[in-house]
Amino acid sequence: MEEHEARLAGAWARTADGRDRFTQEGERFRVLFPGRKNGGPGPDFRGALLQVEGRRVRGDVEAHLVASGWHGHGHDSDPHFNQVVLHVVGRDDMGTPTRLANGARVPVLVLHGWHEEGHVRGPGSGASGLGPTVRPGGGDRAGGCLVRAGRDVAALLLKQGLIRFHARVARWRRARETDGALYRELLQGLGYGREGAPYLRLARALPWAALAGAQGLRKVQSRLLGTAGLMAAAPKDVGAELRAHWEGTPSLQTSSWRGPPCRPASNPARRLLGVGALFVRCSSLGLARSLFASLNPLPAPERAQAGLRRWLAVSADDAGLPPGPAPLGGAVADILAVNILLPFLASRPEMRTWAGAAYRDYPRLEPDSVLRSMVERLGLAGLRLGACGQQGLHRVFRSYCSQGRQPWCPLCQV
């Protein structure tokens, strides 16, 4: 994104100020949450929440200096932009609503005053009502929020992280089938939230009981890829071998997996080949018993990362692939460990104390788009957080920011 367009996007990020705005078509709305900044391909902001004529609208937001930039950048034919609900521009040179690739039309908002020095407008000072950027250390407004200052932030985030953890522990206590639930959670976890839906549909189409009966690495991998409709996406070095083991028809359409371009290691087909190797590794004991065996004897809680990575991580060689990025590397293993395995282990009475301590001590995870957006939005770049504090930021985002509930946010005062 070039400098002036980045300034326009930055101005949009500070519009959750309770003011009414009007689209070019005269539709009145308020910004409850401007969305989280998207650092990769696709719309500039994900998951914005708008109050439009008394109803709530959730979707993405794209920003351009001029409205014709939508067509100039090819978004009108790109399905990755089909979730956009508002086109924010500095100047409307088209005079019509913006057309998406699926034929739908979305309104255009001209954001006045975005180019002014500092992009700052106080209450009552103009049409755009932009608030100043928050500065590290707290105490300034960011999108209608007043961040608490000083060391309280870390303590509050740790508390929020523990609330998130205990909610997941409680959910695991209600689970009826341990291996089946672990299987579904691990598959869905490969999608990192927003992209997890096709993985969950795959888990339902090919349940653990059906997969566990398959014998051998290629058989398991072929069932995963074949059911997912991704056999054609298999690496060419192993594609023929996988197709030879596949018997059946896909349950998912290939289009189910279409998302923004990703790194080779994050490719869904490669991820499924990796997790297939993990499932084969655990097939003799089952997922839960295999996990318990890998942690016997229990390491010190502060060393849990190494033990959980050992159980989860899958190299290219483990998956029977040519040399290359690990299908399930250490960063992915950490995310699955913190979000799935440690809450599962804590649901067992004999593991509760150890798993809780391991969660609190778990090192920092590789930041995802939510964490990067929250750190920038709240000016927390100087705050050192481990996994528990990062999970706290996730909870604040999911429960307050993305829901337009800033008045109730434990970190902010409106």
Protein backbone atom coordinates (compact mmCIF):
# COMPACT_ATOMS: atom_id res chain seq x y z
CA MET A 1 0.00 0.00 0.00
CA GLU A 2 1.49 3.36 -1.02
CA GLU A 3 1.96 6.16 1.52
CA HIS A 4 -1.17 8.26 0.89
CA GLU A 5 -3.42 5.21 0.73
CA ALA A 6 -1.88 3.98 3.99
CA ARG A 7 -2.76 7.34 5.56
CA LEU A 8 -6.35 6.98 4.37
CA ALA A 9 -6.52 3.47 5.84
CA GLY A 10 -5.05 4.76 9.09
CA ALA A 11 -7.74 7.42 9.24
CA TRP A 12 -10.46 4.79 8.74
CA ALA A 13 -8.96 2.76 11.62
CA ARG A 14 -9.85 5.63 13.98
CA THR A 15 -13.51 6.06 13.07
CA ALA A 16 -15.21 4.12 15.90
CA ASP A 17 -16.15 7.38 17.63
CA GLY A 18 -19.94 7.09 17.90
CA ARG A 19 -20.62 9.59 15.10
CA ASP A 20 -23.14 9.15 12.32
CA ARG A 21 -21.71 8.96 8.82
CA PHE A 22 -23.38 8.88 5.42
CA THR A 23 -22.48 6.88 2.34
CA GLN A 24 -22.59 8.48 -1.09
CA GLU A 25 -26.04 6.92 -1.48
CA GLY A 26 -27.28 8.72 1.65
CA GLU A 27 -27.37 5.66 3.91
CA ARG A 28 -26.63 6.53 7.55
CA PHE A 29 -24.36 4.30 9.63
CA ARG A 30 -21.98 4.21 12.59
CA VAL A 31 -18.68 2.40 12.89
CA LEU A 32 -18.76 0.05 15.89
CA PHE A 33 -15.48 -1.61 14.93
CA PRO A 34 -13.40 -0.57 11.90
CA GLY A 35 -11.99 -4.07 11.45
CA ARG A 36 -8.51 -5.42 11.99
CA LYS A 37 -5.75 -4.38 9.63
CA ASN A 38 -4.91 -7.07 7.11
CA GLY A 39 -1.19 -7.25 6.51
CA GLY A 40 -1.48 -9.73 3.63
CA PRO A 41 -3.43 -10.10 0.38
CA GLY A 42 -7.11 -9.25 0.36
CA PRO A 43 -9.15 -6.36 1.78
CA ASP A 44 -7.41 -3.75 3.94
CA PHE A 45 -9.60 -4.45 7.00
CA ARG A 46 -11.19 -7.72 8.09
CA GLY A 47 -14.32 -8.22 10.17
CA ALA A 48 -15.53 -4.62 10.51
CA LEU A 49 -18.83 -4.07 12.35
CA LEU A 50 -21.19 -1.31 11.23
CA GLN A 51 -24.55 -0.16 12.59
CA VAL A 52 -26.51 0.58 9.40
CA GLU A 53 -30.01 2.06 9.77
CA GLY A 54 -30.60 0.13 12.98
CA ARG A 55 -29.10 -3.21 11.89
CA ARG A 56 -25.60 -4.60 12.38
CA VAL A 57 -23.51 -5.44 9.32
CA ARG A 58 -20.30 -7.47 9.55
CA GLY A 59 -17.73 -7.67 6.74
CA ASP A 60 -14.52 -6.38 5.23
CA VAL A 61 -13.53 -2.83 4.25
CA GLU A 62 -11.30 -1.73 1.38
CA ALA A 63 -9.73 1.74 1.09
CA HIS A 64 -8.60 3.61 -2.05
CA LEU A 65 -7.61 7.21 -2.69
CA VAL A 66 -10.17 7.32 -5.51
CA ALA A 67 -13.15 5.04 -6.08
CA SER A 68 -11.84 3.93 -9.48
CA GLY A 69 -8.90 2.30 -7.67
CA TRP A 70 -11.24 -0.64 -7.04
CA HIS A 71 -11.26 -1.45 -10.76
CA GLY A 72 -7.67 -0.36 -11.29
CA HIS A 73 -6.51 -2.97 -8.79
CA GLY A 74 -8.73 -5.70 -10.26
CA HIS A 75 -10.90 -6.16 -7.16
CA ASP A 76 -14.07 -6.19 -9.27
CA SER A 77 -13.10 -9.64 -10.57
CA ASP A 78 -11.41 -11.00 -7.42
CA PRO A 79 -13.63 -13.26 -5.23
CA HIS A 80 -11.36 -12.61 -2.22
CA PHE A 81 -13.09 -9.22 -1.99
CA ASN A 82 -16.65 -10.59 -1.99
CA GLN A 83 -16.99 -10.06 1.77
CA VAL A 84 -16.41 -6.30 1.49
CA VAL A 85 -19.36 -4.30 2.90
CA LEU A 86 -17.96 -0.77 2.55
CA HIS A 87 -15.60 0.92 0.09
CA VAL A 88 -13.78 3.83 1.79
CA VAL A 89 -12.32 6.46 -0.52
CA GLY A 90 -10.69 9.86 -0.36
CA ARG A 91 -12.56 11.00 -3.49
CA ASP A 92 -15.47 9.47 -5.37
CA ASP A 93 -14.67 9.71 -9.07
CA MET A 94 -17.18 7.03 -10.08
CA GLY A 95 -20.50 8.19 -8.62
CA THR A 96 -21.91 4.68 -8.30
CA PRO A 97 -21.85 1.90 -5.67
CA THR A 98 -18.91 -0.49 -5.89
CA ARG A 99 -19.54 -3.77 -7.70
CA LEU A 100 -18.09 -7.02 -6.29
CA ALA A 101 -16.99 -10.06 -8.30
CA ASN A 102 -20.21 -11.87 -7.31
CA GLY A 103 -22.34 -9.07 -8.73
CA ALA A 104 -23.33 -7.53 -5.39
CA ARG A 105 -22.97 -3.79 -4.87
CA VAL A 106 -21.63 -2.11 -1.74
CA PRO A 107 -21.81 1.54 -0.67
CA VAL A 108 -19.01 4.07 -0.95
CA LEU A 109 -17.92 6.34 1.92
CA VAL A 110 -15.89 9.47 1.21
CA LEU A 111 -13.74 9.99 4.30
CA HIS A 112 -13.30 13.75 4.53
CA GLY A 113 -10.29 15.25 6.28
CA TRP A 114 -8.16 12.11 6.16
CA HIS A 115 -5.19 13.98 4.62
CA GLU A 116 -4.96 16.70 7.26
CA GLU A 117 -1.80 16.91 9.33
CA GLY A 118 -1.88 14.30 12.10
CA HIS A 119 -5.33 13.13 10.91
CA VAL A 120 -6.72 14.48 14.21
CA ARG A 121 -10.18 15.88 14.84
CA GLY A 122 -11.50 16.22 18.31
CA PRO A 123 -15.15 15.87 19.29
CA GLY A 124 -17.32 18.36 17.44
CA SER A 125 -14.51 19.48 15.15
CA GLY A 126 -15.70 18.18 11.81
CA ALA A 127 -17.39 15.55 9.68
CA SER A 128 -14.92 12.73 10.01
CA GLY A 129 -14.43 12.84 13.78
CA LEU A 130 -11.09 11.05 13.77
CA GLY A 131 -9.32 10.45 17.06
CA PRO A 132 -5.56 10.71 17.61
CA THR A 133 -3.33 7.69 17.36
CA VAL A 134 -2.64 5.97 20.68
CA ARG A 135 0.92 6.29 21.97
CA PRO A 136 2.81 3.49 23.79
CA GLY A 137 2.18 3.63 27.50
CA GLY A 138 -1.56 4.08 27.24
CA GLY A 139 -3.80 6.93 28.26
CA ASP A 140 -4.74 8.04 24.71
CA ARG A 141 -7.78 7.39 22.55
CA ALA A 142 -7.71 4.74 19.83
CA GLY A 143 -10.94 4.20 17.94
CA GLY A 144 -13.07 5.43 20.84
CA CYS A 145 -11.10 3.59 23.53
CA LEU A 146 -8.96 4.92 26.35
CA VAL A 147 -6.14 2.45 27.00
CA ARG A 148 -5.17 2.04 30.62
CA ALA A 149 -1.64 3.17 31.36
CA GLY A 150 1.35 1.37 32.80
CA ARG A 151 1.87 -2.13 34.12
CA ASP A 152 -1.86 -2.79 34.58
CA VAL A 153 -2.10 -3.71 30.90
CA ALA A 154 0.04 -6.85 31.20
CA ALA A 155 -1.81 -8.02 34.31
CA LEU A 156 -5.21 -7.44 32.69
CA LEU A 157 -4.17 -9.32 29.55
CA LEU A 158 -2.91 -12.27 31.61
CA LYS A 159 -6.26 -12.37 33.39
CA GLN A 160 -8.12 -12.30 30.08
CA GLY A 161 -5.87 -15.06 28.75
CA LEU A 162 -6.71 -17.24 31.74
CA ILE A 163 -10.44 -16.60 31.27
CA ARG A 164 -10.11 -17.77 27.66
CA PHE A 165 -8.14 -20.84 28.81
CA HIS A 166 -10.66 -21.88 31.47
CA ALA A 167 -13.56 -21.49 29.04
CA ARG A 168 -11.83 -23.94 26.71
CA VAL A 169 -11.08 -26.32 29.57
CA ALA A 170 -14.78 -26.33 30.49
CA ARG A 171 -15.69 -27.14 26.89
CA TRP A 172 -13.30 -30.10 26.89
CA ARG A 173 -14.89 -31.43 30.07
CA ARG A 174 -18.18 -31.65 28.19
CA ALA A 175 -16.64 -33.51 25.23
CA ARG A 176 -18.05 -37.03 24.79
CA GLU A 177 -15.56 -38.62 22.41
CA THR A 178 -11.97 -37.72 23.19
CA ASP A 179 -10.14 -38.81 20.03
CA GLY A 180 -12.91 -37.64 17.72
CA ALA A 181 -12.99 -34.21 19.37
CA LEU A 182 -9.19 -33.88 19.28
CA TYR A 183 -9.22 -34.81 15.60
CA ARG A 184 -11.82 -32.15 14.77
CA GLU A 185 -10.09 -29.47 16.82
CA LEU A 186 -6.66 -30.18 15.34
CA LEU A 187 -8.00 -30.10 11.79
CA GLN A 188 -9.95 -26.89 12.36
CA GLY A 189 -6.94 -25.34 14.11
CA LEU A 190 -4.92 -25.66 10.91
CA GLY A 191 -7.10 -22.91 9.44
CA TYR A 192 -6.32 -20.31 12.12
CA GLY A 193 -9.90 -19.25 12.80
CA ARG A 194 -11.13 -17.41 9.69
CA GLU A 195 -9.94 -20.11 7.28
CA GLY A 196 -10.92 -23.01 9.56
CA ALA A 197 -14.40 -23.65 8.10
CA PRO A 198 -13.34 -26.02 5.27
CA TYR A 199 -11.11 -27.99 7.67
CA LEU A 200 -14.07 -28.46 10.01
CA ARG A 201 -16.29 -29.57 7.12
CA LEU A 202 -13.60 -32.08 6.20
CA ALA A 203 -13.54 -33.44 9.76
CA ARG A 204 -17.29 -33.96 9.62
CA ALA A 205 -17.18 -35.58 6.17
CA LEU A 206 -14.30 -37.86 7.19
CA PRO A 207 -14.62 -38.56 10.94
CA TRP A 208 -11.79 -39.96 13.02
CA ALA A 209 -13.38 -43.41 13.18
CA ALA A 210 -13.35 -43.63 9.37
CA LEU A 211 -9.79 -42.34 9.01
CA ALA A 212 -8.30 -44.39 11.85
CA GLY A 213 -9.05 -47.60 9.95
CA ALA A 214 -6.84 -46.63 7.03
CA GLN A 215 -3.48 -48.41 6.95
CA GLY A 216 -0.28 -46.61 6.01
CA LEU A 217 0.80 -43.03 5.43
CA ARG A 218 -0.26 -42.69 1.81
CA LYS A 219 -3.65 -44.25 2.44
CA VAL A 220 -4.41 -41.77 5.24
CA GLN A 221 -3.08 -38.82 3.24
CA SER A 222 -5.05 -39.82 0.14
CA ARG A 223 -8.29 -40.03 2.14
CA LEU A 224 -7.72 -36.56 3.59
CA LEU A 225 -6.85 -34.93 0.26
CA GLY A 226 -9.42 -36.89 -1.75
CA THR A 227 -12.29 -36.13 0.61
CA ALA A 228 -11.21 -32.49 0.73
CA GLY A 229 -11.32 -32.22 -3.06
CA LEU A 230 -7.61 -31.30 -3.09
CA MET A 231 -6.09 -34.31 -4.84
CA ALA A 232 -5.20 -32.15 -7.86
CA ALA A 233 -3.30 -29.81 -5.51
CA ALA A 234 -0.98 -32.57 -4.24
CA PRO A 235 2.75 -31.96 -4.86
CA LYS A 236 3.66 -33.47 -8.21
CA ASP A 237 6.37 -35.65 -6.63
CA VAL A 238 3.77 -37.65 -4.67
CA GLY A 239 0.55 -36.95 -6.60
CA ALA A 240 0.51 -40.17 -8.62
CA GLU A 241 1.14 -42.30 -5.53
CA LEU A 242 -1.65 -40.57 -3.61
CA ARG A 243 -4.13 -40.94 -6.47
CA ALA A 244 -3.36 -44.64 -6.65
CA HIS A 245 -4.54 -45.02 -3.02
CA TRP A 246 -7.69 -42.90 -3.42
CA GLU A 247 -11.05 -44.61 -3.82
CA GLY A 248 -14.12 -42.47 -3.55
CA THR A 249 -15.55 -39.08 -4.46
CA PRO A 250 -14.74 -35.70 -2.90
CA SER A 251 -17.09 -34.43 -0.20
CA LEU A 252 -15.86 -30.83 -0.53
CA GLN A 253 -15.48 -28.70 -3.61
CA THR A 254 -12.03 -27.41 -4.49
CA SER A 255 -13.51 -23.90 -4.35
CA SER A 256 -14.11 -24.38 -0.60
CA TRP A 257 -10.38 -23.88 -0.07
CA ARG A 258 -9.95 -20.74 -2.09
CA GLY A 259 -8.48 -18.03 0.07
CA PRO A 260 -5.91 -15.29 -0.28
CA PRO A 261 -2.50 -16.47 -1.56
CA CYS A 262 -0.40 -18.01 1.22
CA ARG A 263 3.11 -19.24 1.86
CA PRO A 264 3.90 -22.72 0.48
CA ALA A 265 4.04 -24.16 4.02
CA SER A 266 0.50 -22.85 4.69
CA ASN A 267 -0.97 -24.43 1.56
CA PRO A 268 -4.03 -26.51 2.63
CA ALA A 269 -2.92 -29.60 0.67
CA ARG A 270 0.53 -29.52 2.28
CA ARG A 271 -0.98 -28.97 5.72
CA LEU A 272 -3.27 -31.98 5.26
CA LEU A 273 -0.37 -34.17 4.16
CA GLY A 274 1.44 -33.13 7.33
CA VAL A 275 -1.44 -33.71 9.71
CA GLY A 276 -2.02 -37.07 8.00
CA ALA A 277 1.48 -38.08 9.08
CA LEU A 278 0.66 -36.99 12.63
CA PHE A 279 -2.50 -39.12 12.62
CA VAL A 280 -0.58 -42.16 11.35
CA ARG A 281 2.01 -41.65 14.08
CA CYS A 282 -0.76 -41.80 16.69
CA SER A 283 -2.88 -44.54 15.09
CA SER A 284 -1.76 -47.45 17.27
CA LEU A 285 -2.57 -45.78 20.60
CA GLY A 286 -5.10 -43.19 19.50
CA LEU A 287 -4.65 -39.44 19.74
CA ALA A 288 -5.22 -38.93 23.47
CA ARG A 289 -3.22 -41.94 24.69
CA SER A 290 -0.41 -41.11 22.31
CA LEU A 291 -0.27 -37.56 23.67
CA PHE A 292 -0.18 -38.78 27.27
CA ALA A 293 2.57 -41.28 26.45
CA SER A 294 4.70 -38.56 24.82
CA LEU A 295 4.52 -36.51 28.06
CA ASN A 296 5.53 -39.38 30.35
CA PRO A 297 7.43 -38.46 32.43
CA LEU A 298 6.02 -34.94 32.62
CA PRO A 299 8.57 -32.23 31.87
CA ALA A 300 8.73 -29.12 34.04
CA PRO A 301 5.88 -26.76 33.03
CA GLU A 302 8.33 -24.21 31.65
CA ARG A 303 9.67 -26.92 29.30
CA ALA A 304 6.26 -28.03 28.02
CA GLN A 305 6.86 -26.39 24.65
CA ALA A 306 9.55 -28.89 23.65
CA GLY A 307 7.41 -31.92 24.59
CA LEU A 308 4.28 -30.66 22.83
CA ARG A 309 6.22 -29.67 19.73
CA ARG A 310 7.71 -33.16 19.61
CA TRP A 311 4.23 -34.68 19.50
CA LEU A 312 2.76 -32.19 17.03
CA ALA A 313 5.49 -31.14 14.60
CA VAL A 314 5.84 -32.94 11.25
CA SER A 315 8.80 -32.40 8.92
CA ALA A 316 8.71 -32.79 5.15
CA ASP A 317 10.50 -36.12 5.54
CA ASP A 318 7.98 -37.31 8.15
CA ALA A 319 5.19 -36.60 5.64
CA GLY A 320 6.99 -38.41 2.82
CA LEU A 321 7.57 -35.18 0.90
CA PRO A 322 10.64 -33.83 -0.89
CA PRO A 323 12.87 -31.48 1.12
CA GLY A 324 11.11 -28.21 1.89
CA PRO A 325 9.25 -26.30 4.61
CA ALA A 326 7.77 -28.43 7.39
CA PRO A 327 4.02 -29.02 6.79
CA LEU A 328 3.54 -28.63 10.55
CA GLY A 329 6.44 -26.58 11.89
CA GLY A 330 7.20 -25.27 15.35
CA ALA A 331 5.13 -22.08 15.00
CA VAL A 332 2.01 -24.05 13.96
CA ALA A 333 2.66 -26.60 16.72
CA ASP A 334 2.77 -23.81 19.32
CA ILE A 335 -0.58 -22.41 18.18
CA LEU A 336 -2.21 -25.86 18.35
CA ALA A 337 -0.59 -26.60 21.71
CA VAL A 338 -1.81 -23.40 23.39
CA ASN A 339 -5.29 -23.34 21.86
CA ILE A 340 -6.11 -27.08 21.90
CA LEU A 341 -3.72 -29.43 23.70
CA LEU A 342 -3.14 -27.55 26.95
CA PRO A 343 -6.88 -26.86 27.53
CA PHE A 344 -7.57 -30.53 26.74
CA LEU A 345 -4.88 -31.71 29.19
CA ALA A 346 -6.15 -29.32 31.88
CA SER A 347 -9.61 -30.92 31.61
CA ARG A 348 -8.08 -34.09 33.09
CA PRO A 349 -7.89 -33.90 36.91
CA GLU A 350 -4.44 -35.50 37.05
CA MET A 351 -3.04 -32.99 34.52
CA ARG A 352 -4.90 -29.85 35.59
CA THR A 353 -2.16 -28.21 37.68
CA TRP A 354 0.64 -29.03 35.25
CA ALA A 355 -1.27 -27.88 32.15
CA GLY A 356 -2.35 -24.63 33.82
CA ALA A 357 1.24 -23.83 34.79
CA ALA A 358 2.50 -24.78 31.31
CA TYR A 359 -0.06 -22.45 29.73
CA ARG A 360 0.98 -19.52 31.94
CA ASP A 361 4.68 -20.16 31.18
CA TYR A 362 4.35 -20.89 27.46
CA PRO A 363 6.59 -18.63 25.35
CA ARG A 364 5.37 -16.03 22.91
CA LEU A 365 3.57 -17.31 19.81
CA GLU A 366 4.21 -16.07 16.30
CA PRO A 367 1.80 -13.09 16.03
CA ASP A 368 -1.18 -13.51 13.72
CA SER A 369 -3.17 -10.72 12.05
CA VAL A 370 -5.37 -10.19 15.13
CA LEU A 371 -2.39 -9.75 17.45
CA ARG A 372 -0.54 -7.47 15.05
CA SER A 373 -3.64 -5.33 14.61
CA MET A 374 -4.34 -5.08 18.35
CA VAL A 375 -0.73 -4.27 19.25
CA GLU A 376 -0.67 -1.46 16.69
CA ARG A 377 -4.16 -0.21 17.52
CA LEU A 378 -3.52 -0.02 21.27
CA GLY A 379 0.11 1.07 21.10
CA LEU A 380 1.45 -2.02 22.89
CA ALA A 381 4.59 -2.62 20.82
CA GLY A 382 6.82 -2.25 23.88
CA LEU A 383 4.85 -4.75 25.98
CA ARG A 384 6.45 -8.19 26.24
CA LEU A 385 3.75 -10.84 26.33
CA GLY A 386 3.95 -14.61 26.49
CA ALA A 387 1.31 -16.88 25.00
CA CYS A 388 -1.13 -16.32 27.88
CA GLY A 389 -1.07 -12.54 27.46
CA GLN A 390 -1.41 -12.90 23.70
CA GLN A 391 -4.47 -15.08 24.24
CA GLY A 392 -5.79 -12.30 26.45
CA LEU A 393 -5.48 -9.88 23.55
CA HIS A 394 -7.40 -12.36 21.40
CA ARG A 395 -10.18 -12.47 23.97
CA VAL A 396 -10.37 -8.68 24.17
CA PHE A 397 -10.61 -8.53 20.39
CA ARG A 398 -13.25 -11.29 20.07
CA SER A 399 -15.39 -10.27 23.04
CA TYR A 400 -15.19 -6.49 22.94
CA CYS A 401 -13.46 -4.77 19.99
CA SER A 402 -14.99 -6.81 17.17
CA GLN A 403 -18.43 -6.65 18.83
CA GLY A 404 -18.44 -2.86 19.24
CA ARG A 405 -18.51 -3.30 23.05
CA GLN A 406 -15.75 -0.82 23.94
CA PRO A 407 -17.60 0.57 26.98
CA TRP A 408 -17.28 -2.83 28.65
CA CYS A 409 -13.70 -3.57 27.60
CA PRO A 410 -11.42 -4.25 30.61
CA LEU A 411 -8.54 -2.49 28.84
CA CYS A 412 -10.39 0.60 27.72
CA GLN A 413 -12.67 3.31 28.97
CA VAL A 414 -14.89 5.18 26.54
